[in-house]
N, C-alpha and C. Protein backbone atom coordinates (compact mmCIF):
# COMPACT_ATOMS: atom_id res chain seq x y z
N MET A 1 -16.61 -19.85 0.38
CA MET A 1 -15.61 -18.99 -0.22
C MET A 1 -16.01 -18.75 -1.67
N SER A 2 -16.02 -17.47 -2.07
CA SER A 2 -16.37 -17.14 -3.44
C SER A 2 -15.16 -17.37 -4.35
N PHE A 3 -15.41 -17.36 -5.65
CA PHE A 3 -14.34 -17.54 -6.62
C PHE A 3 -13.26 -16.48 -6.44
N TYR A 4 -13.66 -15.22 -6.23
CA TYR A 4 -12.68 -14.13 -6.15
C TYR A 4 -11.92 -14.12 -4.83
N SER A 5 -12.55 -14.55 -3.75
CA SER A 5 -11.79 -14.65 -2.51
C SER A 5 -10.79 -15.81 -2.61
N GLY A 6 -11.15 -16.85 -3.36
CA GLY A 6 -10.21 -17.94 -3.62
C GLY A 6 -9.05 -17.47 -4.48
N LEU A 7 -9.36 -16.61 -5.48
CA LEU A 7 -8.31 -16.04 -6.32
C LEU A 7 -7.36 -15.20 -5.47
N ARG A 8 -7.93 -14.43 -4.52
CA ARG A 8 -7.13 -13.59 -3.62
C ARG A 8 -6.27 -14.45 -2.70
N ASP A 9 -6.88 -15.43 -2.06
CA ASP A 9 -6.21 -16.20 -1.00
C ASP A 9 -5.36 -17.36 -1.52
N ASP A 10 -5.76 -17.96 -2.64
CA ASP A 10 -5.08 -19.16 -3.12
C ASP A 10 -4.15 -18.91 -4.31
N THR A 11 -4.29 -17.76 -4.97
CA THR A 11 -3.46 -17.50 -6.14
C THR A 11 -2.61 -16.24 -5.97
N ALA A 12 -3.25 -15.08 -5.92
CA ALA A 12 -2.50 -13.82 -5.84
C ALA A 12 -1.64 -13.75 -4.58
N GLY A 13 -2.23 -14.06 -3.45
CA GLY A 13 -1.49 -14.00 -2.18
C GLY A 13 -0.25 -14.87 -2.16
N PRO A 14 -0.39 -16.18 -2.48
CA PRO A 14 0.79 -17.05 -2.47
C PRO A 14 1.85 -16.67 -3.52
N LEU A 15 1.42 -16.22 -4.71
CA LEU A 15 2.40 -15.84 -5.74
C LEU A 15 3.21 -14.63 -5.32
N ILE A 16 2.54 -13.62 -4.78
CA ILE A 16 3.27 -12.43 -4.33
C ILE A 16 4.15 -12.79 -3.13
N ALA A 17 3.65 -13.66 -2.25
CA ALA A 17 4.46 -14.08 -1.10
C ALA A 17 5.71 -14.83 -1.56
N GLN A 18 5.58 -15.62 -2.62
CA GLN A 18 6.71 -16.41 -3.11
C GLN A 18 7.75 -15.54 -3.81
N PHE A 19 7.31 -14.59 -4.63
CA PHE A 19 8.23 -13.82 -5.45
C PHE A 19 8.46 -12.39 -4.94
N GLY A 20 7.72 -11.98 -3.95
CA GLY A 20 7.83 -10.61 -3.44
C GLY A 20 8.90 -10.43 -2.39
N GLN A 21 8.95 -9.23 -1.87
CA GLN A 21 9.92 -8.87 -0.84
C GLN A 21 9.18 -8.28 0.35
N ALA A 22 9.77 -8.45 1.51
CA ALA A 22 9.14 -7.99 2.75
C ALA A 22 9.19 -6.47 2.85
N GLY A 23 8.14 -5.92 3.39
CA GLY A 23 8.05 -4.48 3.63
C GLY A 23 7.12 -4.22 4.80
N THR A 24 6.85 -2.97 5.04
CA THR A 24 5.98 -2.56 6.15
C THR A 24 5.04 -1.47 5.68
N TYR A 25 3.77 -1.63 6.00
CA TYR A 25 2.77 -0.59 5.76
C TYR A 25 2.62 0.16 7.08
N ARG A 26 2.91 1.45 7.07
CA ARG A 26 2.90 2.23 8.31
C ARG A 26 1.80 3.29 8.29
N VAL A 27 1.01 3.30 9.36
CA VAL A 27 -0.05 4.28 9.55
C VAL A 27 0.24 5.03 10.83
N TYR A 28 0.16 6.35 10.77
CA TYR A 28 0.37 7.17 11.96
C TYR A 28 -0.98 7.56 12.57
N GLY A 29 -1.01 7.61 13.89
CA GLY A 29 -2.22 8.05 14.59
C GLY A 29 -2.49 9.52 14.32
N SER A 30 -3.59 10.00 14.83
CA SER A 30 -3.98 11.39 14.56
C SER A 30 -2.97 12.37 15.16
N GLU A 31 -2.80 13.48 14.46
CA GLU A 31 -1.86 14.51 14.89
C GLU A 31 -2.49 15.37 15.99
N SER A 32 -1.63 15.96 16.79
CA SER A 32 -2.11 16.92 17.80
C SER A 32 -1.33 18.22 17.62
N TYR A 33 -2.01 19.32 17.82
CA TYR A 33 -1.40 20.63 17.64
C TYR A 33 -1.29 21.31 18.99
N ASN A 34 -0.12 21.86 19.30
CA ASN A 34 0.13 22.57 20.55
C ASN A 34 0.08 24.06 20.25
N ASN A 35 -0.96 24.74 20.76
CA ASN A 35 -1.13 26.17 20.51
C ASN A 35 0.00 27.01 21.10
N THR A 36 0.54 26.57 22.22
CA THR A 36 1.59 27.34 22.90
C THR A 36 2.88 27.36 22.09
N THR A 37 3.29 26.19 21.61
CA THR A 37 4.56 26.11 20.88
C THR A 37 4.39 26.24 19.37
N GLY A 38 3.15 26.06 18.89
CA GLY A 38 2.89 26.12 17.45
C GLY A 38 3.41 24.92 16.68
N THR A 39 3.57 23.79 17.37
CA THR A 39 4.08 22.59 16.70
C THR A 39 3.00 21.52 16.59
N THR A 40 3.15 20.71 15.58
CA THR A 40 2.26 19.57 15.37
C THR A 40 3.03 18.30 15.67
N THR A 41 2.42 17.42 16.44
CA THR A 41 3.04 16.15 16.79
C THR A 41 2.27 15.03 16.13
N THR A 42 2.99 14.18 15.41
CA THR A 42 2.37 13.03 14.75
C THR A 42 2.08 11.96 15.78
N GLY A 43 0.96 11.26 15.58
CA GLY A 43 0.58 10.19 16.48
C GLY A 43 1.51 8.99 16.35
N ALA A 44 1.30 8.01 17.20
CA ALA A 44 2.14 6.81 17.20
C ALA A 44 1.96 6.01 15.91
N ALA A 45 3.03 5.37 15.47
CA ALA A 45 3.00 4.57 14.25
C ALA A 45 2.47 3.17 14.54
N THR A 46 1.66 2.66 13.61
CA THR A 46 1.20 1.28 13.66
C THR A 46 1.71 0.61 12.40
N ASP A 47 2.48 -0.45 12.54
CA ASP A 47 3.09 -1.14 11.41
C ASP A 47 2.37 -2.45 11.10
N THR A 48 2.19 -2.71 9.82
CA THR A 48 1.63 -3.97 9.35
C THR A 48 2.64 -4.59 8.38
N PRO A 49 3.15 -5.78 8.69
CA PRO A 49 4.10 -6.42 7.76
C PRO A 49 3.38 -6.86 6.49
N ILE A 50 4.00 -6.61 5.34
CA ILE A 50 3.43 -7.00 4.05
C ILE A 50 4.55 -7.58 3.18
N VAL A 51 4.13 -8.29 2.15
CA VAL A 51 5.04 -8.76 1.11
C VAL A 51 4.55 -8.14 -0.18
N MET A 52 5.47 -7.59 -0.99
CA MET A 52 5.05 -6.86 -2.17
C MET A 52 6.02 -7.07 -3.31
N LEU A 53 5.56 -6.69 -4.49
CA LEU A 53 6.40 -6.68 -5.68
C LEU A 53 6.66 -5.23 -6.03
N ASP A 54 7.91 -4.90 -6.28
CA ASP A 54 8.33 -3.55 -6.67
C ASP A 54 8.50 -3.55 -8.18
N LEU A 55 7.66 -2.82 -8.90
CA LEU A 55 7.65 -2.84 -10.36
C LEU A 55 7.82 -1.45 -10.93
N PRO A 56 8.31 -1.37 -12.17
CA PRO A 56 8.34 -0.05 -12.81
C PRO A 56 6.92 0.41 -13.10
N LEU A 57 6.71 1.69 -13.06
CA LEU A 57 5.38 2.25 -13.27
C LEU A 57 5.05 2.26 -14.75
N LYS A 58 3.90 1.71 -15.09
CA LYS A 58 3.44 1.76 -16.47
C LYS A 58 2.59 3.01 -16.65
N GLU A 59 2.76 3.67 -17.76
CA GLU A 59 2.09 4.95 -17.99
C GLU A 59 0.58 4.88 -17.85
N ARG A 60 -0.02 3.81 -18.30
CA ARG A 60 -1.49 3.75 -18.33
C ARG A 60 -2.12 3.24 -17.03
N GLU A 61 -1.32 2.88 -16.07
CA GLU A 61 -1.87 2.36 -14.82
C GLU A 61 -2.56 3.43 -13.98
N PHE A 62 -2.02 4.66 -14.05
CA PHE A 62 -2.53 5.76 -13.23
C PHE A 62 -2.66 7.01 -14.09
N SER A 63 -3.27 8.03 -13.55
CA SER A 63 -3.43 9.27 -14.29
C SER A 63 -2.06 9.88 -14.62
N GLU A 64 -2.01 10.76 -15.61
CA GLU A 64 -0.75 11.40 -15.99
C GLU A 64 -0.14 12.17 -14.84
N GLU A 65 -0.99 12.83 -14.06
CA GLU A 65 -0.51 13.61 -12.91
C GLU A 65 0.18 12.72 -11.90
N VAL A 66 -0.42 11.58 -11.59
CA VAL A 66 0.17 10.65 -10.63
C VAL A 66 1.44 10.04 -11.21
N ALA A 67 1.40 9.63 -12.47
CA ALA A 67 2.56 9.00 -13.10
C ALA A 67 3.76 9.95 -13.12
N ALA A 68 3.51 11.25 -13.28
CA ALA A 68 4.60 12.22 -13.32
C ALA A 68 5.30 12.35 -11.96
N GLN A 69 4.58 12.12 -10.86
CA GLN A 69 5.14 12.26 -9.52
C GLN A 69 5.70 10.96 -8.96
N ALA A 70 5.24 9.83 -9.49
CA ALA A 70 5.55 8.53 -8.89
C ALA A 70 6.98 8.08 -9.14
N SER A 71 7.54 7.39 -8.15
CA SER A 71 8.87 6.79 -8.26
C SER A 71 8.77 5.34 -8.72
N GLY A 72 7.61 4.72 -8.54
CA GLY A 72 7.44 3.33 -8.90
C GLY A 72 6.05 2.83 -8.56
N MET A 73 5.85 1.53 -8.74
CA MET A 73 4.57 0.92 -8.44
C MET A 73 4.81 -0.33 -7.59
N LEU A 74 3.98 -0.51 -6.59
CA LEU A 74 4.05 -1.69 -5.74
C LEU A 74 2.77 -2.49 -5.90
N LEU A 75 2.90 -3.80 -5.96
CA LEU A 75 1.74 -4.69 -5.97
C LEU A 75 1.71 -5.42 -4.63
N VAL A 76 0.55 -5.38 -3.99
CA VAL A 76 0.39 -6.07 -2.71
C VAL A 76 -0.90 -6.88 -2.79
N ALA A 77 -0.83 -8.13 -2.41
CA ALA A 77 -2.03 -8.97 -2.38
C ALA A 77 -2.97 -8.45 -1.31
N ALA A 78 -4.24 -8.36 -1.66
CA ALA A 78 -5.23 -7.89 -0.70
C ALA A 78 -5.29 -8.79 0.52
N GLN A 79 -4.90 -10.04 0.35
CA GLN A 79 -4.87 -11.00 1.46
C GLN A 79 -4.00 -10.48 2.61
N GLN A 80 -2.90 -9.79 2.27
CA GLN A 80 -2.00 -9.25 3.28
C GLN A 80 -2.73 -8.27 4.20
N PHE A 81 -3.52 -7.39 3.61
CA PHE A 81 -4.24 -6.39 4.38
C PHE A 81 -5.47 -6.97 5.05
N ALA A 82 -6.16 -7.89 4.36
CA ALA A 82 -7.37 -8.49 4.93
C ALA A 82 -7.04 -9.26 6.21
N ALA A 83 -5.90 -9.94 6.22
CA ALA A 83 -5.50 -10.70 7.41
C ALA A 83 -5.28 -9.79 8.61
N ALA A 84 -4.87 -8.54 8.36
CA ALA A 84 -4.61 -7.59 9.45
C ALA A 84 -5.78 -6.63 9.65
N SER A 85 -6.88 -6.85 8.92
CA SER A 85 -8.06 -5.96 8.98
C SER A 85 -7.69 -4.51 8.70
N VAL A 86 -6.87 -4.31 7.66
CA VAL A 86 -6.40 -2.98 7.27
C VAL A 86 -6.76 -2.74 5.81
N THR A 87 -7.15 -1.52 5.49
CA THR A 87 -7.38 -1.11 4.11
C THR A 87 -6.37 -0.02 3.79
N PRO A 88 -5.55 -0.20 2.75
CA PRO A 88 -4.55 0.81 2.43
C PRO A 88 -5.18 2.12 1.99
N LYS A 89 -4.50 3.22 2.31
CA LYS A 89 -5.02 4.55 1.99
C LYS A 89 -3.91 5.42 1.40
N VAL A 90 -4.32 6.37 0.59
CA VAL A 90 -3.40 7.34 0.01
C VAL A 90 -2.75 8.16 1.12
N ASN A 91 -1.51 8.55 0.93
CA ASN A 91 -0.68 9.34 1.84
C ASN A 91 -0.13 8.57 3.02
N GLU A 92 -0.43 7.29 3.13
CA GLU A 92 0.20 6.47 4.17
C GLU A 92 1.59 6.06 3.66
N ARG A 93 2.37 5.40 4.48
CA ARG A 93 3.76 5.09 4.16
C ARG A 93 3.97 3.60 3.96
N ILE A 94 4.90 3.29 3.06
CA ILE A 94 5.39 1.93 2.85
C ILE A 94 6.89 1.98 3.08
N ILE A 95 7.39 1.12 3.94
CA ILE A 95 8.83 1.04 4.18
C ILE A 95 9.32 -0.23 3.52
N PHE A 96 10.30 -0.06 2.64
CA PHE A 96 10.80 -1.16 1.83
C PHE A 96 12.32 -1.07 1.84
N GLY A 97 12.96 -1.97 2.58
CA GLY A 97 14.41 -1.89 2.74
C GLY A 97 14.77 -0.63 3.49
N SER A 98 15.64 0.18 2.92
CA SER A 98 16.03 1.43 3.56
C SER A 98 15.23 2.62 3.02
N LYS A 99 14.26 2.35 2.14
CA LYS A 99 13.49 3.42 1.52
C LYS A 99 12.10 3.53 2.14
N THR A 100 11.64 4.77 2.24
CA THR A 100 10.27 5.02 2.69
C THR A 100 9.53 5.69 1.54
N TYR A 101 8.37 5.14 1.23
CA TYR A 101 7.55 5.66 0.15
C TYR A 101 6.24 6.21 0.71
N ARG A 102 5.68 7.19 0.01
CA ARG A 102 4.34 7.70 0.31
C ARG A 102 3.43 7.21 -0.80
N ILE A 103 2.26 6.71 -0.44
CA ILE A 103 1.31 6.22 -1.43
C ILE A 103 0.62 7.42 -2.08
N LEU A 104 0.74 7.52 -3.41
CA LEU A 104 0.10 8.60 -4.16
C LEU A 104 -1.29 8.23 -4.64
N ALA A 105 -1.45 6.99 -5.10
CA ALA A 105 -2.73 6.53 -5.62
C ALA A 105 -2.80 5.02 -5.49
N ILE A 106 -4.01 4.51 -5.41
CA ILE A 106 -4.22 3.06 -5.29
C ILE A 106 -5.27 2.64 -6.31
N ASN A 107 -4.93 1.65 -7.12
CA ASN A 107 -5.90 1.01 -8.01
C ASN A 107 -6.16 -0.37 -7.44
N THR A 108 -7.41 -0.65 -7.16
CA THR A 108 -7.77 -1.94 -6.61
C THR A 108 -8.23 -2.84 -7.74
N VAL A 109 -7.57 -3.98 -7.89
CA VAL A 109 -8.04 -5.00 -8.82
C VAL A 109 -9.00 -5.85 -8.02
N GLY A 110 -10.27 -5.69 -8.32
CA GLY A 110 -11.28 -6.36 -7.52
C GLY A 110 -12.55 -6.65 -8.28
N PRO A 111 -12.57 -7.75 -9.02
CA PRO A 111 -13.81 -8.12 -9.70
C PRO A 111 -14.92 -8.36 -8.68
N SER A 112 -16.10 -7.95 -9.01
CA SER A 112 -17.27 -8.14 -8.15
C SER A 112 -17.10 -7.53 -6.77
N GLY A 113 -16.25 -6.49 -6.66
CA GLY A 113 -16.09 -5.79 -5.39
C GLY A 113 -15.19 -6.50 -4.39
N GLU A 114 -14.60 -7.62 -4.77
CA GLU A 114 -13.71 -8.38 -3.89
C GLU A 114 -12.27 -8.01 -4.24
N ALA A 115 -11.60 -7.25 -3.36
CA ALA A 115 -10.22 -6.83 -3.64
C ALA A 115 -9.31 -8.05 -3.73
N VAL A 116 -8.54 -8.12 -4.81
CA VAL A 116 -7.60 -9.22 -5.01
C VAL A 116 -6.16 -8.71 -4.89
N ILE A 117 -5.87 -7.60 -5.59
CA ILE A 117 -4.53 -7.00 -5.58
C ILE A 117 -4.69 -5.49 -5.49
N TYR A 118 -3.79 -4.86 -4.75
CA TYR A 118 -3.70 -3.40 -4.72
C TYR A 118 -2.48 -2.98 -5.52
N LYS A 119 -2.69 -2.12 -6.52
CA LYS A 119 -1.60 -1.52 -7.27
C LYS A 119 -1.42 -0.12 -6.70
N MET A 120 -0.24 0.19 -6.21
CA MET A 120 0.01 1.46 -5.55
C MET A 120 1.09 2.25 -6.27
N ALA A 121 0.75 3.46 -6.68
CA ALA A 121 1.76 4.38 -7.19
C ALA A 121 2.40 5.04 -5.97
N VAL A 122 3.72 4.98 -5.89
CA VAL A 122 4.42 5.49 -4.71
C VAL A 122 5.49 6.48 -5.10
N GLN A 123 5.84 7.32 -4.14
CA GLN A 123 6.86 8.36 -4.30
C GLN A 123 7.78 8.29 -3.09
N TYR A 124 9.09 8.50 -3.31
CA TYR A 124 10.00 8.53 -2.18
C TYR A 124 9.54 9.61 -1.20
N ALA A 125 9.50 9.25 0.06
CA ALA A 125 9.05 10.23 1.07
C ALA A 125 10.23 10.98 1.65
């Protein structure tokens, strides 16, 4: 185990798990288009349970364009996604309580290429 994977698994992960709140990372399957009806159908949803911290957005965390659109910032330990073999992506959904957010941007805190924490700028969907 490298120093940074230990930081991810033994420090960031447990701290966010202790102080964070439960949520769901939702990914939809590929869309299909029906030429006859002219409608698009979203694929089936795949949910990954996560624990996250809901924080106010700091101006310097993301670009001005993203900060202007964002409703807040979520911190998720990379351990949460690594355990499920999932990598978070922009435009996917986070469900937190009764709110659904769309991910606008992701900043990965990852020294030496080892993701430790994902900082996500989110917008109400």
